[in-house]
Amino acid sequence: MFFGKKKFKLAALLAGSLLACSAFTGCGGDNGAGGGNAGDEIVVGSNFELTGNHAQYGKSSANGFKLAIKEINDAGGINGKKIKIVEADSKSETAESVNAATKLISDDKVVAIVGPAVTANVIAESQVAADNKIPVIAPDATNPDVTVENGNVKPFIFRSCFIDPQQSEVMAEFAAKDLNAKTAVLYLDSSSDYSKSLGKIFKEKFEAAGGQVVMEEAFLAKDQDFKAALTKIQTANADVIFVPAYYEEVGKIVKQARELGITATILGTDGWDDSKVVEIAGADALDNTFFCTHYFEGDEDVQAFLTAYKNEFKEDPNVFAALGYDAGKMLIDAIQRGGDSAEKIRDNIENIKDLQVGTGVITMDMKTHNPIKGIVVIENKGGARELKTKIAPQG
């Protein structure tokens, strides 16, 4: 889901090179014997954006993760041991993500880390984790580069979400085949690599299916007034408008588009998946909009998670919370299957098969460290969500 990797490289390299000679000596691979899995507790790290520009995503993911851990602890733990979460704040910055991971590994002796939420922050911490052989599960980072670099899988980095190409391909095919769309406009967040990546792939797939992208416009995260660009988009008279962005901006874009008289079908991706989008856009404005995401709230196998989350936090979960919960379930499963050290946890995550998590059932693809899982297309209709189509896991 989440953001790019352009600004973190220097910070990550500097932090990694400085720390490799000092704080990291001997701390990584020995956690199973003398660190985070010793005594009566299994110590794991939570490295999320609790403050800063991406805090709304990080906090939700952290809550989902904490719920999964609370459930196993309330059930007695694992072999008599409780899981202890040590929380760190990446502050929505790549350098702070590295600093937080450093502390979790060297000071707190964690055997695994869940988070951060956004792609850039995950990639920033990944070298630190790999150097110390500490597995990381990224709940929300959908950029392919998170787990695979230059064609090679990163041994210690995993994710609980599907990747950008899957989303764009699904929505391009849905537009061309299900909606019989011939023309499309892209309206992208130019400050987000998530949005730009999704737009690029959608264009490729939509045009390969016989459609044509007739216009591309851009906005910036946190913009409030979208009417100038939407007025231009209106002149294209396209069948669909693809807006792969996050719910805060999406709600405002949809609302203002309808106010201008734009009736075209508006499409999106998992960044739309928050109930607040209805509050922002209005139920009527959201009619004739569709987005893909990780689960449908009406499915039987997600009810346990939805109920547990609402009971714990007194609100409905969004997709970030659901994926944080999934990551927690993956980590618990890896520990339960004999994960008495960081490296064994890594091996067990890589071999996850048919695991029931919050959003459904997943199997880990060993070649990419991406979960093999289903994807759904949701229609917004009358302020409610209806399942439009479900795509079975591929792999």
Protein backbone atom coordinates (compact mmCIF):
# COMPACT_ATOMS: atom_id res chain seq x y z
CA MET A 1 0.00 0.00 0.00
CA PHE A 2 2.51 2.24 0.92
CA PHE A 3 4.76 4.87 -0.34
CA GLY A 4 8.13 5.04 -2.02
CA LYS A 5 11.77 4.48 -1.37
CA LYS A 6 13.60 7.51 -2.76
CA LYS A 7 14.50 9.41 0.41
CA PHE A 8 15.64 6.67 2.72
CA LYS A 9 18.70 5.18 1.05
CA LEU A 10 21.39 7.50 2.41
CA ALA A 11 19.96 7.48 5.91
CA ALA A 12 19.69 3.71 5.94
CA LEU A 13 23.22 3.19 4.63
CA LEU A 14 24.78 5.62 7.07
CA ALA A 15 22.93 4.20 10.02
CA GLY A 16 23.68 0.66 8.99
CA SER A 17 27.40 1.23 8.47
CA LEU A 18 27.85 3.08 11.75
CA LEU A 19 25.94 0.53 13.77
CA ALA A 20 27.46 -2.55 12.19
CA CYS A 21 30.75 -1.85 13.95
CA SER A 22 29.30 -1.26 17.38
CA ALA A 23 25.79 -1.90 18.63
CA PHE A 24 25.04 -4.90 16.48
CA THR A 25 27.96 -7.07 17.45
CA GLY A 26 26.61 -10.45 18.48
CA CYS A 27 23.03 -9.32 18.96
CA GLY A 28 21.12 -10.80 16.05
CA GLY A 29 21.31 -14.51 15.55
CA ASP A 30 21.70 -15.32 19.27
CA ASN A 31 18.31 -13.98 20.33
CA GLY A 32 16.86 -17.45 20.60
CA ALA A 33 19.44 -18.50 23.17
CA GLY A 34 19.94 -15.42 25.29
CA GLY A 35 17.67 -12.69 24.01
CA GLY A 36 14.05 -12.22 23.15
CA ASN A 37 12.94 -15.82 23.63
CA ALA A 38 14.61 -16.46 26.97
CA GLY A 39 12.91 -16.76 30.35
CA ASP A 40 9.14 -16.51 30.64
CA GLU A 41 8.62 -14.09 27.74
CA ILE A 42 9.06 -13.98 24.00
CA VAL A 43 10.04 -10.43 23.10
CA VAL A 44 8.95 -9.04 19.73
CA GLY A 45 9.17 -5.56 18.26
CA SER A 46 6.48 -3.23 16.94
CA ASN A 47 8.00 -0.53 14.75
CA PHE A 48 5.19 1.67 13.44
CA GLU A 49 4.53 5.30 12.54
CA LEU A 50 2.88 6.42 15.79
CA THR A 51 3.56 10.10 15.07
CA GLY A 52 4.16 12.12 11.91
CA ASN A 53 2.45 12.23 8.53
CA HIS A 54 1.60 8.52 8.39
CA ALA A 55 0.51 8.05 11.99
CA GLN A 56 -3.10 7.28 11.04
CA TYR A 57 -1.87 4.20 9.16
CA GLY A 58 0.78 3.15 11.66
CA LYS A 59 -1.50 3.39 14.68
CA SER A 60 -4.18 1.26 13.06
CA SER A 61 -1.67 -1.41 12.03
CA ALA A 62 -0.13 -1.40 15.51
CA ASN A 63 -3.57 -1.88 17.07
CA GLY A 64 -4.29 -4.87 14.85
CA PHE A 65 -0.93 -6.41 15.73
CA LYS A 66 -1.49 -5.85 19.45
CA LEU A 67 -4.90 -7.49 19.27
CA ALA A 68 -3.45 -10.68 17.77
CA ILE A 69 -0.82 -10.84 20.51
CA LYS A 70 -3.37 -10.11 23.24
CA GLU A 71 -5.50 -13.00 22.04
CA ILE A 72 -2.70 -15.55 22.25
CA ASN A 73 -1.55 -14.23 25.62
CA ASP A 74 -5.09 -14.37 27.01
CA ALA A 75 -5.25 -17.98 25.83
CA GLY A 76 -2.18 -18.84 27.91
CA GLY A 77 0.64 -17.88 25.57
CA ILE A 78 2.89 -20.32 23.74
CA ASN A 79 4.28 -23.23 25.75
CA GLY A 80 3.71 -21.26 28.92
CA LYS A 81 5.43 -18.14 27.62
CA LYS A 82 3.69 -14.83 27.00
CA ILE A 83 4.63 -12.65 24.04
CA LYS A 84 5.85 -9.21 25.05
CA ILE A 85 5.60 -6.39 22.52
CA VAL A 86 8.18 -3.62 22.72
CA GLU A 87 6.79 -0.62 20.85
CA ALA A 88 8.94 1.83 18.91
CA ASP A 89 7.92 4.89 16.92
CA SER A 90 9.39 5.30 13.46
CA LYS A 91 7.93 8.83 13.46
CA SER A 92 6.98 8.46 9.78
CA GLU A 93 10.65 8.98 8.81
CA THR A 94 13.12 6.60 7.21
CA ALA A 95 16.04 7.51 9.48
CA GLU A 96 13.88 7.06 12.57
CA SER A 97 12.72 3.70 11.26
CA VAL A 98 16.35 2.58 11.21
CA ASN A 99 16.95 4.02 14.69
CA ALA A 100 13.87 2.29 16.08
CA ALA A 101 14.83 -1.06 14.57
CA THR A 102 18.35 -0.64 15.92
CA LYS A 103 17.09 -0.14 19.45
CA LEU A 104 14.65 -3.04 19.23
CA ILE A 105 17.40 -5.39 18.07
CA SER A 106 20.40 -4.28 20.09
CA ASP A 107 18.77 -3.10 23.34
CA ASP A 108 15.48 -4.98 23.57
CA LYS A 109 16.75 -8.22 22.00
CA VAL A 110 13.59 -8.86 19.96
CA VAL A 111 13.29 -12.05 17.91
CA ALA A 112 11.15 -10.43 15.20
CA ILE A 113 9.77 -7.05 14.15
CA VAL A 114 6.35 -6.20 12.74
CA GLY A 115 6.14 -2.91 10.83
CA PRO A 116 6.48 -0.20 9.76
CA ALA A 117 3.43 0.50 7.61
CA VAL A 118 4.84 2.48 4.69
CA THR A 119 7.16 1.08 2.05
CA ALA A 120 10.02 3.54 2.46
CA ASN A 121 10.27 2.92 6.19
CA VAL A 122 10.20 -0.86 5.77
CA ILE A 123 12.97 -0.79 3.19
CA ALA A 124 14.99 1.55 5.40
CA GLU A 125 14.98 -0.93 8.30
CA SER A 126 15.41 -4.03 6.15
CA GLN A 127 19.21 -3.92 5.93
CA VAL A 128 19.52 -3.53 9.70
CA ALA A 129 17.22 -6.51 10.23
CA ALA A 130 18.99 -8.62 7.63
CA ASP A 131 22.44 -7.87 9.04
CA ASN A 132 21.24 -9.17 12.40
CA LYS A 133 19.12 -12.02 11.03
CA ILE A 134 15.90 -10.67 12.53
CA PRO A 135 12.72 -11.40 10.52
CA VAL A 136 10.44 -8.50 9.63
CA ILE A 137 6.78 -8.74 8.64
CA ALA A 138 5.49 -5.66 6.79
CA PRO A 139 1.69 -5.53 7.06
CA ASP A 140 0.90 -2.81 4.55
CA ALA A 141 3.84 -2.13 2.23
CA THR A 142 2.62 -3.18 -1.22
CA ASN A 143 5.60 -2.10 -3.35
CA PRO A 144 7.27 -5.22 -4.83
CA ASP A 145 10.73 -3.94 -3.86
CA VAL A 146 9.97 -4.49 -0.18
CA THR A 147 10.67 -8.23 -0.39
CA VAL A 148 12.47 -8.61 -3.73
CA GLU A 149 15.42 -6.53 -4.90
CA ASN A 150 17.07 -6.92 -8.32
CA GLY A 151 15.29 -10.23 -8.76
CA ASN A 152 16.49 -11.66 -5.44
CA VAL A 153 14.23 -12.30 -2.47
CA LYS A 154 15.28 -10.63 0.78
CA PRO A 155 15.70 -13.56 3.18
CA PHE A 156 14.40 -11.86 6.33
CA ILE A 157 11.65 -9.60 4.95
CA PHE A 158 8.02 -10.72 4.52
CA ARG A 159 4.63 -9.10 4.14
CA SER A 160 0.98 -9.84 4.95
CA CYS A 161 -0.52 -7.77 2.09
CA PHE A 162 -0.67 -8.34 -1.65
CA ILE A 163 1.42 -6.17 -3.97
CA ASP A 164 0.70 -3.22 -6.24
CA PRO A 165 0.76 -5.11 -9.58
CA GLN A 166 -2.00 -7.42 -8.35
CA GLN A 167 -4.25 -4.50 -7.46
CA SER A 168 -3.75 -2.60 -10.69
CA GLU A 169 -4.20 -5.68 -12.84
CA VAL A 170 -7.44 -6.57 -11.06
CA MET A 171 -8.87 -3.06 -11.44
CA ALA A 172 -7.76 -2.70 -15.07
CA GLU A 173 -9.38 -6.01 -15.94
CA PHE A 174 -12.50 -5.09 -13.98
CA ALA A 175 -12.76 -1.78 -15.86
CA ALA A 176 -12.26 -3.35 -19.28
CA LYS A 177 -14.27 -6.56 -18.90
CA ASP A 178 -16.85 -6.03 -16.17
CA LEU A 179 -17.60 -2.36 -16.89
CA ASN A 180 -16.84 -2.48 -20.64
CA ALA A 181 -14.86 0.74 -20.24
CA LYS A 182 -13.02 1.97 -23.32
CA THR A 183 -11.46 5.17 -21.94
CA ALA A 184 -9.93 6.08 -18.59
CA VAL A 185 -8.38 9.02 -16.76
CA LEU A 186 -5.65 8.59 -14.15
CA TYR A 187 -5.77 10.96 -11.16
CA LEU A 188 -2.69 10.25 -9.07
CA ASP A 189 -1.04 11.46 -5.88
CA SER A 190 2.30 12.68 -7.26
CA SER A 191 3.80 12.68 -3.74
CA SER A 192 3.16 8.92 -3.32
CA ASP A 193 5.11 6.16 -5.05
CA TYR A 194 2.21 3.88 -4.10
CA SER A 195 -0.16 5.93 -6.23
CA LYS A 196 2.25 6.41 -9.12
CA SER A 197 3.18 2.73 -9.26
CA LEU A 198 -0.47 1.69 -9.29
CA GLY A 199 -1.26 4.22 -12.01
CA LYS A 200 1.59 3.05 -14.22
CA ILE A 201 0.56 -0.60 -14.03
CA PHE A 202 -3.15 0.18 -14.47
CA LYS A 203 -2.36 2.05 -17.69
CA GLU A 204 -0.29 -0.84 -19.04
CA LYS A 205 -2.92 -3.45 -18.24
CA PHE A 206 -5.92 -1.36 -19.30
CA GLU A 207 -4.41 -0.51 -22.68
CA ALA A 208 -3.31 -4.13 -23.17
CA ALA A 209 -6.98 -5.04 -22.71
CA GLY A 210 -7.97 -2.65 -25.50
CA GLY A 211 -8.73 0.48 -23.49
CA GLN A 212 -7.13 3.90 -23.73
CA VAL A 213 -5.92 6.25 -20.99
CA VAL A 214 -6.89 9.65 -22.39
CA MET A 215 -5.67 11.94 -19.61
CA GLU A 216 -3.44 11.97 -16.53
CA GLU A 217 -3.71 14.53 -13.73
CA ALA A 218 -2.03 14.78 -10.34
CA PHE A 219 -2.55 16.11 -6.83
CA LEU A 220 -0.54 16.13 -3.60
CA ALA A 221 -1.29 14.40 -0.31
CA LYS A 222 -3.10 16.71 2.11
CA ASP A 223 -4.54 18.85 -0.73
CA GLN A 224 -8.02 20.13 0.04
CA ASP A 225 -9.32 21.63 -3.22
CA PHE A 226 -9.31 19.33 -6.27
CA LYS A 227 -11.80 21.18 -8.45
CA ALA A 228 -9.37 22.72 -10.94
CA ALA A 229 -7.98 19.33 -11.95
CA LEU A 230 -11.42 17.71 -11.81
CA THR A 231 -12.77 20.36 -14.17
CA LYS A 232 -10.09 19.34 -16.70
CA ILE A 233 -10.84 15.66 -16.11
CA GLN A 234 -14.52 16.33 -16.79
CA THR A 235 -13.68 17.47 -20.33
CA ALA A 236 -12.17 14.05 -21.12
CA ASN A 237 -15.61 12.44 -20.73
CA ALA A 238 -13.91 9.15 -19.89
CA ASP A 239 -15.75 6.00 -18.91
CA VAL A 240 -13.75 5.56 -15.70
CA ILE A 241 -11.48 7.62 -13.46
CA PHE A 242 -8.78 5.67 -11.62
CA VAL A 243 -7.77 7.23 -8.28
CA PRO A 244 -5.29 4.95 -6.47
CA ALA A 245 -4.88 6.99 -3.29
CA TYR A 246 -5.76 7.10 0.41
CA TYR A 247 -9.18 7.55 1.92
CA GLU A 248 -8.68 11.12 3.20
CA GLU A 249 -8.00 12.54 -0.26
CA VAL A 250 -10.28 10.05 -2.00
CA GLY A 251 -13.31 11.15 -0.01
CA LYS A 252 -12.73 14.79 -0.93
CA ILE A 253 -12.03 13.98 -4.59
CA VAL A 254 -15.21 11.95 -4.98
CA LYS A 255 -17.31 14.55 -3.19
CA GLN A 256 -15.99 17.42 -5.31
CA ALA A 257 -16.25 15.40 -8.52
CA ARG A 258 -19.94 14.78 -7.94
CA GLU A 259 -20.49 18.43 -7.03
CA LEU A 260 -19.07 19.36 -10.45
CA GLY A 261 -21.49 16.96 -12.12
CA ILE A 262 -18.99 14.21 -12.92
CA THR A 263 -20.97 10.98 -13.09
CA ALA A 264 -18.24 8.67 -14.43
CA THR A 265 -17.38 5.50 -12.54
CA ILE A 266 -14.50 6.12 -10.12
CA LEU A 267 -12.14 3.26 -9.29
CA GLY A 268 -9.60 2.76 -6.52
CA THR A 269 -7.43 0.38 -4.55
CA ASP A 270 -6.94 -0.70 -0.96
CA GLY A 271 -6.04 2.81 0.22
CA TRP A 272 -9.78 3.54 -0.03
CA ASP A 273 -10.58 0.92 2.57
CA ASP A 274 -11.72 2.91 5.59
CA SER A 275 -15.23 3.67 6.77
CA LYS A 276 -14.25 7.33 7.10
CA VAL A 277 -14.38 7.67 3.31
CA VAL A 278 -18.19 7.63 3.54
CA GLU A 279 -18.14 10.37 6.16
CA ILE A 280 -15.89 12.53 3.99
CA ALA A 281 -17.49 11.96 0.57
CA GLY A 282 -21.10 11.30 1.53
CA ALA A 283 -23.01 8.13 0.75
CA ASP A 284 -24.68 9.41 -2.42
CA ALA A 285 -21.43 10.70 -3.89
CA LEU A 286 -19.81 7.30 -3.46
CA ASP A 287 -22.42 5.53 -5.57
CA ASN A 288 -20.88 4.13 -8.76
CA THR A 289 -17.43 3.75 -7.22
CA PHE A 290 -15.46 0.51 -6.85
CA PHE A 291 -12.19 -0.45 -5.17
CA CYS A 292 -10.21 -3.62 -4.55
CA THR A 293 -9.07 -4.71 -1.13
CA HIS A 294 -8.07 -7.65 1.04
CA TYR A 295 -11.40 -8.86 2.39
CA PHE A 296 -15.14 -8.32 2.34
CA GLU A 297 -16.65 -7.60 5.73
CA GLY A 298 -19.61 -9.87 4.96
CA ASP A 299 -17.42 -12.99 4.55
CA GLU A 300 -17.87 -15.58 7.28
CA ASP A 301 -14.17 -16.15 7.88
CA VAL A 302 -13.46 -12.51 8.81
CA GLN A 303 -16.23 -12.17 11.39
CA ALA A 304 -14.14 -13.29 14.35
CA PHE A 305 -11.56 -10.59 13.68
CA LEU A 306 -14.13 -7.85 13.06
CA THR A 307 -15.95 -8.65 16.31
CA ALA A 308 -12.77 -8.93 18.37
CA TYR A 309 -11.39 -5.64 17.07
CA LYS A 310 -14.61 -3.75 17.70
CA ASN A 311 -14.84 -5.16 21.22
CA GLU A 312 -11.26 -4.17 21.97
CA PHE A 313 -11.10 -0.70 20.39
CA LYS A 314 -14.79 0.31 20.25
CA GLU A 315 -14.61 1.05 16.53
CA ASP A 316 -14.65 -0.84 13.25
CA PRO A 317 -11.22 -1.78 11.90
CA ASN A 318 -9.84 -0.40 8.67
CA VAL A 319 -7.64 -2.35 6.28
CA PHE A 320 -4.45 -1.24 8.06
CA ALA A 321 -5.70 -2.74 11.32
CA ALA A 322 -6.71 -5.95 9.54
CA LEU A 323 -3.28 -6.36 7.95
CA GLY A 324 -1.53 -5.62 11.24
CA TYR A 325 -3.62 -8.39 12.80
CA ASP A 326 -2.70 -10.73 9.92
CA ALA A 327 0.99 -10.02 10.54
CA GLY A 328 0.52 -10.85 14.20
CA LYS A 329 -1.17 -14.14 13.37
CA MET A 330 1.69 -15.01 11.01
CA LEU A 331 4.27 -14.34 13.71
CA ILE A 332 2.32 -16.34 16.30
CA ASP A 333 2.07 -19.29 13.92
CA ALA A 334 5.80 -19.17 13.25
CA ILE A 335 6.60 -19.21 16.97
CA GLN A 336 4.10 -21.98 17.70
CA ARG A 337 5.72 -24.21 15.09
CA GLY A 338 8.99 -24.39 17.02
CA GLY A 339 10.20 -20.82 16.57
CA ASP A 340 12.63 -20.73 19.49
CA SER A 341 15.09 -18.42 17.74
CA ALA A 342 14.94 -15.56 15.25
CA GLU A 343 16.25 -17.73 12.42
CA LYS A 344 13.76 -20.52 13.10
CA ILE A 345 10.95 -17.94 13.16
CA ARG A 346 12.19 -16.74 9.78
CA ASP A 347 12.13 -20.28 8.41
CA ASN A 348 8.64 -20.89 9.75
CA ILE A 349 7.23 -17.67 8.30
CA GLU A 350 8.64 -18.68 4.92
CA ASN A 351 6.81 -22.01 5.18
CA ILE A 352 3.38 -20.70 6.20
CA LYS A 353 0.68 -22.74 4.46
CA ASP A 354 -3.11 -22.41 4.59
CA LEU A 355 -3.03 -20.19 7.67
CA GLN A 356 -6.28 -18.60 8.83
CA VAL A 357 -5.66 -14.93 9.56
CA GLY A 358 -8.00 -11.99 9.97
CA THR A 359 -8.65 -11.37 6.28
CA GLY A 360 -8.89 -15.01 5.17
CA VAL A 361 -6.45 -17.82 4.46
CA ILE A 362 -2.88 -17.27 3.27
CA THR A 363 0.10 -19.29 2.11
CA MET A 364 3.56 -17.75 1.84
CA ASP A 365 5.22 -17.70 -1.58
CA MET A 366 8.78 -18.76 -0.77
CA LYS A 367 10.17 -17.18 -3.95
CA THR A 368 8.83 -13.69 -3.28
CA HIS A 369 7.89 -13.63 0.43
CA ASN A 370 4.48 -12.36 -0.61
CA PRO A 371 1.35 -14.04 0.75
CA ILE A 372 -0.80 -15.96 -1.68
CA LYS A 373 -4.25 -14.67 -0.83
CA GLY A 374 -7.54 -13.67 -2.37
CA ILE A 375 -8.56 -10.18 -3.49
CA VAL A 376 -12.04 -8.67 -3.66
CA VAL A 377 -13.65 -5.82 -5.59
CA ILE A 378 -16.13 -3.82 -3.53
CA GLU A 379 -18.92 -1.55 -4.77
CA ASN A 380 -19.98 1.46 -2.70
CA LYS A 381 -23.74 1.62 -2.86
CA GLY A 382 -26.09 3.70 -0.74
CA GLY A 383 -23.45 4.22 1.93
CA ALA A 384 -22.85 0.46 2.26
CA ARG A 385 -20.35 -1.90 0.70
CA GLU A 386 -21.35 -4.77 -1.54
CA LEU A 387 -19.16 -7.55 -2.85
CA LYS A 388 -18.85 -7.19 -6.59
CA THR A 389 -16.35 -9.94 -7.37
CA LYS A 390 -13.85 -12.17 -5.62
CA ILE A 391 -10.59 -13.33 -7.17
CA ALA A 392 -9.21 -16.58 -5.78
CA PRO A 393 -5.60 -16.78 -4.55
CA GLN A 394 -3.11 -17.08 -7.38
CA GLY A 395 0.00 -19.13 -6.89
